[in-house]
């Protein structure tokens, strides 16, 4: 392994660590802050970190995109970072950080399906085999022991919500890929545009949720404890900006065949955190399901 590959591995590990740790922050915030409010607060971390990365990247301009492309980016943000991430929060709350992260790791499967249907891309034998592996993994992850029988409804709800998040993330990636092809935006500028769109959309979503509540049940629109604010801002920066920057840099420095398997270990990191901090447990069949989902997702990504 040469120096460039080593640097790529380092950045891929950084991305995996970001994506595997952030669900723990979300889990810790649940019960203290409503999910829609969590999403709104983390928008500040996304915007601030995206501005810093844009400045460090030295890209010349935020221009190079027509209004149609910008509308597409706004749609991608709505799909992935608002609706998709809210479903991810529901999955984390229902089945824990390890299982929810493992299920959402299947989003490359949806990218492939959507790309075939909308962009006319071909299907390979590898993609079909990987799809089977992901489906088998999801079935195993859905399995439960006798002790888990009472929580079967929560497991179904959590897996279904996480699958919904993976589907929306996949759709967002297809839209983002189209935006990249149709514009001259660099990766840092593109991410900054996403952050600019995300802040008003997330706060608007939270505002609608707030107004729909009975006055007696409404929390403060902006205030929450300082620890939750700091944690969610950091989570927004790590999940939405820093992790993406790391994986982009990794792909520039090392081949995808080396980077993808490393970046795909985030469910394992999330599972370890879930076991250490929340005493979450997986049965042997569920552990096998996690590995099958990761293996299938990596195969589809290559």
C-alpha atoms as a PDB file:
ATOM      1  CA  UNK A   1       0.000   0.000   0.000  1.00  0.00           C
ATOM      2  CA  UNK A   2       1.547   3.322  -1.072  1.00  0.00           C
ATOM      3  CA  UNK A   3       1.281   6.675   0.694  1.00  0.00           C
ATOM      4  CA  UNK A   4      -1.754   7.808  -1.334  1.00  0.00           C
ATOM      5  CA  UNK A   5      -3.655   4.613  -0.505  1.00  0.00           C
ATOM      6  CA  UNK A   6      -2.743   4.970   3.168  1.00  0.00           C
ATOM      7  CA  UNK A   7      -4.086   8.514   3.215  1.00  0.00           C
ATOM      8  CA  UNK A   8      -7.273   7.290   1.507  1.00  0.00           C
ATOM      9  CA  UNK A   9      -7.719   4.591   4.142  1.00  0.00           C
ATOM     10  CA  UNK A  10      -7.244   7.224   6.867  1.00  0.00           C
ATOM     11  CA  UNK A  11      -9.980   9.448   5.421  1.00  0.00           C
ATOM     12  CA  UNK A  12     -12.297   6.456   4.861  1.00  0.00           C
ATOM     13  CA  UNK A  13     -11.859   5.454   8.512  1.00  0.00           C
ATOM     14  CA  UNK A  14     -12.639   9.042   9.496  1.00  0.00           C
ATOM     15  CA  UNK A  15     -15.880   8.937   7.509  1.00  0.00           C
ATOM     16  CA  UNK A  16     -16.849   5.593   9.026  1.00  0.00           C
ATOM     17  CA  UNK A  17     -16.135   6.879  12.531  1.00  0.00           C
ATOM     18  CA  UNK A  18     -18.285   9.971  11.900  1.00  0.00           C
ATOM     19  CA  UNK A  19     -21.214   8.002  10.502  1.00  0.00           C
ATOM     20  CA  UNK A  20     -20.955   5.288  13.173  1.00  0.00           C
ATOM     21  CA  UNK A  21     -20.768   7.729  16.102  1.00  0.00           C
ATOM     22  CA  UNK A  22     -23.390  10.308  15.131  1.00  0.00           C
ATOM     23  CA  UNK A  23     -26.379   7.929  15.682  1.00  0.00           C
ATOM     24  CA  UNK A  24     -25.251   7.634  19.304  1.00  0.00           C
ATOM     25  CA  UNK A  25     -25.533  11.424  19.683  1.00  0.00           C
ATOM     26  CA  UNK A  26     -29.028  11.290  18.208  1.00  0.00           C
ATOM     27  CA  UNK A  27     -30.004   8.485  20.591  1.00  0.00           C
ATOM     28  CA  UNK A  28     -28.742  10.459  23.592  1.00  0.00           C
ATOM     29  CA  UNK A  29     -30.781  13.481  22.505  1.00  0.00           C
ATOM     30  CA  UNK A  30     -34.040  11.543  22.124  1.00  0.00           C
ATOM     31  CA  UNK A  31     -36.435  12.052  25.005  1.00  0.00           C
ATOM     32  CA  UNK A  32     -34.961  15.490  25.654  1.00  0.00           C
ATOM     33  CA  UNK A  33     -35.562  17.098  22.257  1.00  0.00           C
ATOM     34  CA  UNK A  34     -38.278  16.353  19.704  1.00  0.00           C
ATOM     35  CA  UNK A  35     -36.954  14.789  16.492  1.00  0.00           C
ATOM     36  CA  UNK A  36     -38.012  17.694  14.268  1.00  0.00           C
ATOM     37  CA  UNK A  37     -36.284  20.125  16.618  1.00  0.00           C
ATOM     38  CA  UNK A  38     -33.154  17.937  16.656  1.00  0.00           C
ATOM     39  CA  UNK A  39     -33.060  18.167  12.875  1.00  0.00           C
ATOM     40  CA  UNK A  40     -33.411  21.962  12.954  1.00  0.00           C
ATOM     41  CA  UNK A  41     -30.662  22.476  15.538  1.00  0.00           C
ATOM     42  CA  UNK A  42     -28.130  20.352  13.671  1.00  0.00           C
ATOM     43  CA  UNK A  43     -28.613  22.541  10.576  1.00  0.00           C
ATOM     44  CA  UNK A  44     -26.342  25.144  12.201  1.00  0.00           C
ATOM     45  CA  UNK A  45     -23.506  22.625  12.459  1.00  0.00           C
ATOM     46  CA  UNK A  46     -24.020  21.602   8.826  1.00  0.00           C
ATOM     47  CA  UNK A  47     -23.898  25.204   7.572  1.00  0.00           C
ATOM     48  CA  UNK A  48     -20.927  26.314   9.698  1.00  0.00           C
ATOM     49  CA  UNK A  49     -18.784  23.282   8.838  1.00  0.00           C
ATOM     50  CA  UNK A  50     -19.716  23.494   5.144  1.00  0.00           C
ATOM     51  CA  UNK A  51     -18.608  27.139   5.064  1.00  0.00           C
ATOM     52  CA  UNK A  52     -15.267  26.231   6.647  1.00  0.00           C
ATOM     53  CA  UNK A  53     -14.693  23.321   4.243  1.00  0.00           C
ATOM     54  CA  UNK A  54     -15.639  25.514   1.262  1.00  0.00           C
ATOM     55  CA  UNK A  55     -13.065  28.118   2.311  1.00  0.00           C
ATOM     56  CA  UNK A  56     -10.383  25.478   2.886  1.00  0.00           C
ATOM     57  CA  UNK A  57     -11.123  23.774  -0.445  1.00  0.00           C
ATOM     58  CA  UNK A  58     -10.326  26.982  -2.309  1.00  0.00           C
ATOM     59  CA  UNK A  59     -13.082  26.559  -4.875  1.00  0.00           C
ATOM     60  CA  UNK A  60     -13.497  29.725  -6.881  1.00  0.00           C
ATOM     61  CA  UNK A  61     -17.249  30.234  -7.006  1.00  0.00           C
ATOM     62  CA  UNK A  62     -20.673  29.148  -5.774  1.00  0.00           C
ATOM     63  CA  UNK A  63     -21.971  29.766  -9.293  1.00  0.00           C
ATOM     64  CA  UNK A  64     -22.047  27.310 -12.147  1.00  0.00           C
ATOM     65  CA  UNK A  65     -25.555  26.002 -11.506  1.00  0.00           C
ATOM     66  CA  UNK A  66     -28.854  27.040 -13.061  1.00  0.00           C
ATOM     67  CA  UNK A  67     -32.093  27.363 -11.155  1.00  0.00           C
ATOM     68  CA  UNK A  68     -33.242  23.890 -12.218  1.00  0.00           C
ATOM     69  CA  UNK A  69     -30.134  22.342 -10.645  1.00  0.00           C
ATOM     70  CA  UNK A  70     -30.614  24.371  -7.464  1.00  0.00           C
ATOM     71  CA  UNK A  71     -34.244  23.223  -7.243  1.00  0.00           C
ATOM     72  CA  UNK A  72     -32.951  19.660  -7.632  1.00  0.00           C
ATOM     73  CA  UNK A  73     -30.506  20.164  -4.759  1.00  0.00           C
ATOM     74  CA  UNK A  74     -33.305  21.556  -2.609  1.00  0.00           C
ATOM     75  CA  UNK A  75     -35.367  18.449  -3.412  1.00  0.00           C
ATOM     76  CA  UNK A  76     -32.397  16.222  -2.512  1.00  0.00           C
ATOM     77  CA  UNK A  77     -32.103  17.984   0.854  1.00  0.00           C
ATOM     78  CA  UNK A  78     -35.817  17.561   1.523  1.00  0.00           C
ATOM     79  CA  UNK A  79     -35.655  13.843   0.670  1.00  0.00           C
ATOM     80  CA  UNK A  80     -32.472  12.915   2.529  1.00  0.00           C
ATOM     81  CA  UNK A  81     -31.704  15.388   5.282  1.00  0.00           C
ATOM     82  CA  UNK A  82     -35.248  16.180   6.397  1.00  0.00           C
ATOM     83  CA  UNK A  83     -37.686  13.324   5.630  1.00  0.00           C
ATOM     84  CA  UNK A  84     -35.036  10.580   5.401  1.00  0.00           C
ATOM     85  CA  UNK A  85     -33.178  11.562   8.553  1.00  0.00           C
ATOM     86  CA  UNK A  86     -36.404  11.899  10.535  1.00  0.00           C
ATOM     87  CA  UNK A  87     -37.214   8.299   9.575  1.00  0.00           C
ATOM     88  CA  UNK A  88     -33.675   7.360  10.645  1.00  0.00           C
ATOM     89  CA  UNK A  89     -34.328   8.965  14.048  1.00  0.00           C
ATOM     90  CA  UNK A  90     -37.509   6.888  14.375  1.00  0.00           C
ATOM     91  CA  UNK A  91     -35.523   3.756  13.490  1.00  0.00           C
ATOM     92  CA  UNK A  92     -32.856   4.542  16.093  1.00  0.00           C
ATOM     93  CA  UNK A  93     -35.504   5.123  18.741  1.00  0.00           C
ATOM     94  CA  UNK A  94     -37.322   1.865  17.916  1.00  0.00           C
ATOM     95  CA  UNK A  95     -34.523  -0.667  17.334  1.00  0.00           C
ATOM     96  CA  UNK A  96     -31.319   1.050  18.513  1.00  0.00           C
ATOM     97  CA  UNK A  97     -28.319   2.581  16.805  1.00  0.00           C
ATOM     98  CA  UNK A  98     -26.750  -0.690  15.591  1.00  0.00           C
ATOM     99  CA  UNK A  99     -29.743  -2.158  13.774  1.00  0.00           C
ATOM    100  CA  UNK A 100     -30.991   1.149  12.378  1.00  0.00           C
ATOM    101  CA  UNK A 101     -27.563   2.048  10.993  1.00  0.00           C
ATOM    102  CA  UNK A 102     -27.183  -1.424   9.482  1.00  0.00           C
ATOM    103  CA  UNK A 103     -30.537  -1.202   7.676  1.00  0.00           C
ATOM    104  CA  UNK A 104     -29.897   2.298   6.329  1.00  0.00           C
ATOM    105  CA  UNK A 105     -26.550   1.023   5.060  1.00  0.00           C
ATOM    106  CA  UNK A 106     -28.609  -0.646   2.315  1.00  0.00           C
ATOM    107  CA  UNK A 107     -29.146   2.691   0.536  1.00  0.00           C
ATOM    108  CA  UNK A 108     -26.776   1.759  -2.380  1.00  0.00           C
ATOM    109  CA  UNK A 109     -29.360  -0.896  -3.282  1.00  0.00           C
ATOM    110  CA  UNK A 110     -31.979   1.806  -3.747  1.00  0.00           C
ATOM    111  CA  UNK A 111     -29.516   3.972  -5.667  1.00  0.00           C
ATOM    112  CA  UNK A 112     -29.066   1.086  -8.115  1.00  0.00           C
ATOM    113  CA  UNK A 113     -32.804   0.418  -8.467  1.00  0.00           C
ATOM    114  CA  UNK A 114     -33.673   4.104  -8.954  1.00  0.00           C
ATOM    115  CA  UNK A 115     -30.799   4.592 -11.408  1.00  0.00           C
ATOM    116  CA  UNK A 116     -32.008   1.612 -13.478  1.00  0.00           C
ATOM    117  CA  UNK A 117     -35.601   2.866 -13.524  1.00  0.00           C
ATOM    118  CA  UNK A 118     -34.940   6.571 -14.100  1.00  0.00           C
ATOM    119  CA  UNK A 119     -31.524   6.772 -15.739  1.00  0.00           C
ATOM    120  CA  UNK A 120     -31.655   3.562 -17.772  1.00  0.00           C
ATOM    121  CA  UNK A 121     -28.487   2.091 -16.253  1.00  0.00           C
ATOM    122  CA  UNK A 122     -27.818  -1.626 -16.755  1.00  0.00           C
ATOM    123  CA  UNK A 123     -28.054  -4.313 -14.074  1.00  0.00           C
ATOM    124  CA  UNK A 124     -25.067  -6.595 -13.469  1.00  0.00           C
ATOM    125  CA  UNK A 125     -24.896 -10.065 -11.921  1.00  0.00           C
ATOM    126  CA  UNK A 126     -22.962  -8.531  -9.015  1.00  0.00           C
ATOM    127  CA  UNK A 127     -25.796  -6.089  -8.378  1.00  0.00           C
ATOM    128  CA  UNK A 128     -28.355  -8.913  -8.387  1.00  0.00           C
ATOM    129  CA  UNK A 129     -26.260 -11.029  -5.997  1.00  0.00           C
ATOM    130  CA  UNK A 130     -25.701  -8.048  -3.722  1.00  0.00           C
ATOM    131  CA  UNK A 131     -29.439  -7.330  -3.699  1.00  0.00           C
ATOM    132  CA  UNK A 132     -30.159 -10.898  -2.581  1.00  0.00           C
ATOM    133  CA  UNK A 133     -27.550 -10.574   0.186  1.00  0.00           C
ATOM    134  CA  UNK A 134     -29.125  -7.335   1.456  1.00  0.00           C
ATOM    135  CA  UNK A 135     -32.636  -8.828   1.429  1.00  0.00           C
ATOM    136  CA  UNK A 136     -31.503 -11.946   3.310  1.00  0.00           C
ATOM    137  CA  UNK A 137     -29.671  -9.706   5.780  1.00  0.00           C
ATOM    138  CA  UNK A 138     -32.809  -7.643   6.382  1.00  0.00           C
ATOM    139  CA  UNK A 139     -34.861 -10.797   6.992  1.00  0.00           C
ATOM    140  CA  UNK A 140     -32.283 -12.028   9.530  1.00  0.00           C
ATOM    141  CA  UNK A 141     -32.153  -8.628  11.201  1.00  0.00           C
ATOM    142  CA  UNK A 142     -35.932  -8.698  11.492  1.00  0.00           C
ATOM    143  CA  UNK A 143     -35.751 -12.108  13.239  1.00  0.00           C
ATOM    144  CA  UNK A 144     -36.126 -12.148  16.995  1.00  0.00           C
ATOM    145  CA  UNK A 145     -35.612 -14.415  19.964  1.00  0.00           C
ATOM    146  CA  UNK A 146     -38.328 -15.397  22.440  1.00  0.00           C
ATOM    147  CA  UNK A 147     -37.173 -12.600  24.751  1.00  0.00           C
ATOM    148  CA  UNK A 148     -37.716 -10.066  21.971  1.00  0.00           C
ATOM    149  CA  UNK A 149     -41.213 -11.293  21.073  1.00  0.00           C
ATOM    150  CA  UNK A 150     -43.001  -8.590  23.043  1.00  0.00           C
ATOM    151  CA  UNK A 151     -41.074  -5.912  21.151  1.00  0.00           C
ATOM    152  CA  UNK A 152     -41.787  -7.331  17.701  1.00  0.00           C
ATOM    153  CA  UNK A 153     -43.960  -4.359  16.772  1.00  0.00           C
ATOM    154  CA  UNK A 154     -41.175  -1.938  17.614  1.00  0.00           C
ATOM    155  CA  UNK A 155     -38.694  -4.016  15.601  1.00  0.00           C
ATOM    156  CA  UNK A 156     -40.968  -3.958  12.555  1.00  0.00           C
ATOM    157  CA  UNK A 157     -41.546  -0.215  12.931  1.00  0.00           C
ATOM    158  CA  UNK A 158     -37.817   0.483  13.348  1.00  0.00           C
ATOM    159  CA  UNK A 159     -36.726  -1.657  10.399  1.00  0.00           C
ATOM    160  CA  UNK A 160     -39.469  -0.197   8.178  1.00  0.00           C
ATOM    161  CA  UNK A 161     -38.549   3.385   9.150  1.00  0.00           C
ATOM    162  CA  UNK A 162     -34.848   2.694   8.533  1.00  0.00           C
ATOM    163  CA  UNK A 163     -35.662   1.170   5.126  1.00  0.00           C
ATOM    164  CA  UNK A 164     -37.668   4.293   4.316  1.00  0.00           C
ATOM    165  CA  UNK A 165     -34.664   6.413   5.254  1.00  0.00           C
ATOM    166  CA  UNK A 166     -32.392   4.293   3.039  1.00  0.00           C
ATOM    167  CA  UNK A 167     -34.841   4.664   0.116  1.00  0.00           C
ATOM    168  CA  UNK A 168     -34.989   8.457   0.487  1.00  0.00           C
ATOM    169  CA  UNK A 169     -31.202   8.703   0.873  1.00  0.00           C
ATOM    170  CA  UNK A 170     -30.826   6.641  -2.293  1.00  0.00           C
ATOM    171  CA  UNK A 171     -33.223   8.889  -4.189  1.00  0.00           C
ATOM    172  CA  UNK A 172     -31.373  11.955  -2.946  1.00  0.00           C
ATOM    173  CA  UNK A 173     -28.049  10.574  -4.184  1.00  0.00           C
ATOM    174  CA  UNK A 174     -29.482  10.022  -7.665  1.00  0.00           C
ATOM    175  CA  UNK A 175     -30.764  13.628  -7.734  1.00  0.00           C
ATOM    176  CA  UNK A 176     -27.408  14.901  -6.440  1.00  0.00           C
ATOM    177  CA  UNK A 177     -25.534  12.911  -9.098  1.00  0.00           C
ATOM    178  CA  UNK A 178     -27.736  14.500 -11.753  1.00  0.00           C
ATOM    179  CA  UNK A 179     -27.021  17.960 -10.277  1.00  0.00           C
ATOM    180  CA  UNK A 180     -23.270  17.322 -10.433  1.00  0.00           C
ATOM    181  CA  UNK A 181     -23.474  16.248 -14.077  1.00  0.00           C
ATOM    182  CA  UNK A 182     -25.620  19.240 -15.031  1.00  0.00           C
ATOM    183  CA  UNK A 183     -23.495  21.920 -13.327  1.00  0.00           C
ATOM    184  CA  UNK A 184     -19.927  23.074 -12.793  1.00  0.00           C
ATOM    185  CA  UNK A 185     -20.158  23.017  -8.996  1.00  0.00           C
ATOM    186  CA  UNK A 186     -17.250  21.565  -7.029  1.00  0.00           C
ATOM    187  CA  UNK A 187     -17.964  19.148  -4.164  1.00  0.00           C
ATOM    188  CA  UNK A 188     -17.463  21.772  -1.441  1.00  0.00           C
ATOM    189  CA  UNK A 189     -19.711  24.303  -3.212  1.00  0.00           C
ATOM    190  CA  UNK A 190     -22.369  21.660  -3.791  1.00  0.00           C
ATOM    191  CA  UNK A 191     -22.327  20.689  -0.114  1.00  0.00           C
ATOM    192  CA  UNK A 192     -22.545  24.350   0.902  1.00  0.00           C
ATOM    193  CA  UNK A 193     -25.609  24.839  -1.304  1.00  0.00           C
ATOM    194  CA  UNK A 194     -27.188  21.807   0.419  1.00  0.00           C
ATOM    195  CA  UNK A 195     -26.452  23.348   3.828  1.00  0.00           C
ATOM    196  CA  UNK A 196     -27.957  26.681   2.754  1.00  0.00           C
ATOM    197  CA  UNK A 197     -31.150  24.926   1.653  1.00  0.00           C
ATOM    198  CA  UNK A 198     -31.252  22.658   4.695  1.00  0.00           C
ATOM    199  CA  UNK A 199     -31.389  25.369   7.370  1.00  0.00           C
ATOM    200  CA  UNK A 200     -34.680  27.063   6.314  1.00  0.00           C
ATOM    201  CA  UNK A 201     -36.307  23.752   5.303  1.00  0.00           C
ATOM    202  CA  UNK A 202     -35.464  22.073   8.633  1.00  0.00           C
ATOM    203  CA  UNK A 203     -36.595  25.063  10.708  1.00  0.00           C
ATOM    204  CA  UNK A 204     -39.736  25.413   8.576  1.00  0.00           C
ATOM    205  CA  UNK A 205     -40.541  21.732   9.137  1.00  0.00           C
ATOM    206  CA  UNK A 206     -40.028  22.130  12.885  1.00  0.00           C
ATOM    207  CA  UNK A 207     -42.131  25.326  12.857  1.00  0.00           C
ATOM    208  CA  UNK A 208     -45.036  23.480  11.209  1.00  0.00           C
ATOM    209  CA  UNK A 209     -44.749  20.659  13.744  1.00  0.00           C
ATOM    210  CA  UNK A 210     -44.659  23.225  16.562  1.00  0.00           C
ATOM    211  CA  UNK A 211     -47.784  25.034  15.337  1.00  0.00           C
ATOM    212  CA  UNK A 212     -49.660  21.730  14.947  1.00  0.00           C
ATOM    213  CA  UNK A 213     -49.248  20.949  18.660  1.00  0.00           C
ATOM    214  CA  UNK A 214     -51.660  21.946  21.397  1.00  0.00           C
ATOM    215  CA  UNK A 215     -50.435  25.086  23.158  1.00  0.00           C
ATOM    216  CA  UNK A 216     -50.183  23.257  26.462  1.00  0.00           C
ATOM    217  CA  UNK A 217     -47.904  20.619  24.901  1.00  0.00           C
ATOM    218  CA  UNK A 218     -45.590  22.957  23.009  1.00  0.00           C
ATOM    219  CA  UNK A 219     -41.944  23.068  24.135  1.00  0.00           C
ATOM    220  CA  UNK A 220     -39.917  26.231  23.624  1.00  0.00           C
ATOM    221  CA  UNK A 221     -39.442  26.860  19.907  1.00  0.00           C
ATOM    222  CA  UNK A 222     -35.699  27.519  20.173  1.00  0.00           C
ATOM    223  CA  UNK A 223     -34.464  26.766  23.657  1.00  0.00           C
ATOM    224  CA  UNK A 224     -33.162  23.467  24.966  1.00  0.00           C
ATOM    225  CA  UNK A 225     -30.382  22.574  27.357  1.00  0.00           C
ATOM    226  CA  UNK A 226     -26.922  23.721  26.281  1.00  0.00           C
ATOM    227  CA  UNK A 227     -25.446  20.195  26.192  1.00  0.00           C
ATOM    228  CA  UNK A 228     -28.084  19.053  23.684  1.00  0.00           C
ATOM    229  CA  UNK A 229     -27.520  22.131  21.534  1.00  0.00           C
ATOM    230  CA  UNK A 230     -23.757  21.578  21.406  1.00  0.00           C
ATOM    231  CA  UNK A 231     -24.119  17.823  20.792  1.00  0.00           C
ATOM    232  CA  UNK A 232     -26.622  18.277  17.948  1.00  0.00           C
ATOM    233  CA  UNK A 233     -24.595  21.024  16.265  1.00  0.00           C
ATOM    234  CA  UNK A 234     -21.546  18.739  16.374  1.00  0.00           C
ATOM    235  CA  UNK A 235     -23.665  15.851  15.042  1.00  0.00           C
ATOM    236  CA  UNK A 236     -24.837  18.016  12.146  1.00  0.00           C
ATOM    237  CA  UNK A 237     -21.262  18.914  11.282  1.00  0.00           C
ATOM    238  CA  UNK A 238     -19.972  15.327  11.512  1.00  0.00           C
ATOM    239  CA  UNK A 239     -22.830  13.553   9.723  1.00  0.00           C
ATOM    240  CA  UNK A 240     -23.721  16.037   7.016  1.00  0.00           C
ATOM    241  CA  UNK A 241     -20.447  17.785   6.218  1.00  0.00           C
ATOM    242  CA  UNK A 242     -17.253  16.336   7.701  1.00  0.00           C
ATOM    243  CA  UNK A 243     -18.142  12.701   6.915  1.00  0.00           C
ATOM    244  CA  UNK A 244     -18.951  13.632   3.331  1.00  0.00           C
ATOM    245  CA  UNK A 245     -15.712  15.597   2.992  1.00  0.00           C
ATOM    246  CA  UNK A 246     -13.701  12.656   4.349  1.00  0.00           C
ATOM    247  CA  UNK A 247     -15.227  10.143   1.931  1.00  0.00           C
ATOM    248  CA  UNK A 248     -14.733  12.515  -1.020  1.00  0.00           C
ATOM    249  CA  UNK A 249     -11.072  12.931  -0.118  1.00  0.00           C
ATOM    250  CA  UNK A 250     -10.712   9.166   0.350  1.00  0.00           C
ATOM    251  CA  UNK A 251     -12.105   8.505  -3.132  1.00  0.00           C
ATOM    252  CA  UNK A 252      -9.649  11.019  -4.596  1.00  0.00           C
ATOM    253  CA  UNK A 253      -6.672   9.334  -2.943  1.00  0.00           C
ATOM    254  CA  UNK A 254      -7.473   5.607  -3.119  1.00  0.00           C
ATOM    255  CA  UNK A 255      -9.514   3.244  -5.334  1.00  0.00           C
ATOM    256  CA  UNK A 256     -13.180   2.640  -4.536  1.00  0.00           C
ATOM    257  CA  UNK A 257     -12.439  -1.057  -4.008  1.00  0.00           C
ATOM    258  CA  UNK A 258     -10.317  -0.055  -1.018  1.00  0.00           C
ATOM    259  CA  UNK A 259     -12.376   2.843   0.308  1.00  0.00           C
ATOM    260  CA  UNK A 260     -15.931   1.425   0.130  1.00  0.00           C
ATOM    261  CA  UNK A 261     -15.442  -1.593   2.455  1.00  0.00           C
ATOM    262  CA  UNK A 262     -13.775   0.618   5.071  1.00  0.00           C
ATOM    263  CA  UNK A 263     -16.422   3.336   4.927  1.00  0.00           C
ATOM    264  CA  UNK A 264     -19.132   0.669   5.122  1.00  0.00           C
ATOM    265  CA  UNK A 265     -17.971  -0.421   8.595  1.00  0.00           C
ATOM    266  CA  UNK A 266     -19.993   2.386  10.201  1.00  0.00           C
ATOM    267  CA  UNK A 267     -22.789  -0.043  11.270  1.00  0.00           C
ATOM    268  CA  UNK A 268     -20.199  -2.078  13.173  1.00  0.00           C
ATOM    269  CA  UNK A 269     -18.995   1.056  14.950  1.00  0.00           C
ATOM    270  CA  UNK A 270     -22.603   2.010  15.730  1.00  0.00           C
ATOM    271  CA  UNK A 271     -23.272  -1.520  17.026  1.00  0.00           C
ATOM    272  CA  UNK A 272     -20.224  -1.359  19.316  1.00  0.00           C
ATOM    273  CA  UNK A 273     -21.329   2.033  20.669  1.00  0.00           C
ATOM    274  CA  UNK A 274     -24.873   0.706  21.150  1.00  0.00           C
ATOM    275  CA  UNK A 275     -23.575  -2.265  23.125  1.00  0.00           C
ATOM    276  CA  UNK A 276     -21.260  -0.154  25.296  1.00  0.00           C
ATOM    277  CA  UNK A 277     -23.582   2.771  26.003  1.00  0.00           C
ATOM    278  CA  UNK A 278     -27.126   1.380  25.732  1.00  0.00           C
ATOM    279  CA  UNK A 279     -26.642  -2.376  26.353  1.00  0.00           C
ATOM    280  CA  UNK A 280     -28.149  -3.151  22.945  1.00  0.00           C
ATOM    281  CA  UNK A 281     -27.855  -6.813  21.992  1.00  0.00           C
ATOM    282  CA  UNK A 282     -27.984  -8.689  18.710  1.00  0.00           C
ATOM    283  CA  UNK A 283     -28.693 -12.391  18.324  1.00  0.00           C
ATOM    284  CA  UNK A 284     -26.238 -14.473  16.223  1.00  0.00           C
ATOM    285  CA  UNK A 285     -28.677 -14.431  13.273  1.00  0.00           C
ATOM    286  CA  UNK A 286     -29.035 -10.656  13.537  1.00  0.00           C
ATOM    287  CA  UNK A 287     -25.245 -10.228  13.587  1.00  0.00           C
ATOM    288  CA  UNK A 288     -25.088 -12.325  10.418  1.00  0.00           C
ATOM    289  CA  UNK A 289     -27.792 -10.073   8.955  1.00  0.00           C
ATOM    290  CA  UNK A 290     -25.686  -6.969   9.683  1.00  0.00           C
ATOM    291  CA  UNK A 291     -22.685  -8.489   7.896  1.00  0.00           C
ATOM    292  CA  UNK A 292     -24.802  -9.525   4.884  1.00  0.00           C
ATOM    293  CA  UNK A 293     -26.234  -6.006   4.560  1.00  0.00           C
ATOM    294  CA  UNK A 294     -22.759  -4.483   4.742  1.00  0.00           C
ATOM    295  CA  UNK A 295     -21.307  -7.009   2.254  1.00  0.00           C
ATOM    296  CA  UNK A 296     -24.164  -6.499  -0.195  1.00  0.00           C
ATOM    297  CA  UNK A 297     -23.958  -2.716   0.095  1.00  0.00           C
ATOM    298  CA  UNK A 298     -20.195  -2.758  -0.506  1.00  0.00           C
ATOM    299  CA  UNK A 299     -20.598  -5.029  -3.541  1.00  0.00           C
ATOM    300  CA  UNK A 300     -23.211  -2.716  -5.075  1.00  0.00           C
ATOM    301  CA  UNK A 301     -20.991   0.333  -4.432  1.00  0.00           C
ATOM    302  CA  UNK A 302     -17.966  -1.097  -6.286  1.00  0.00           C
END
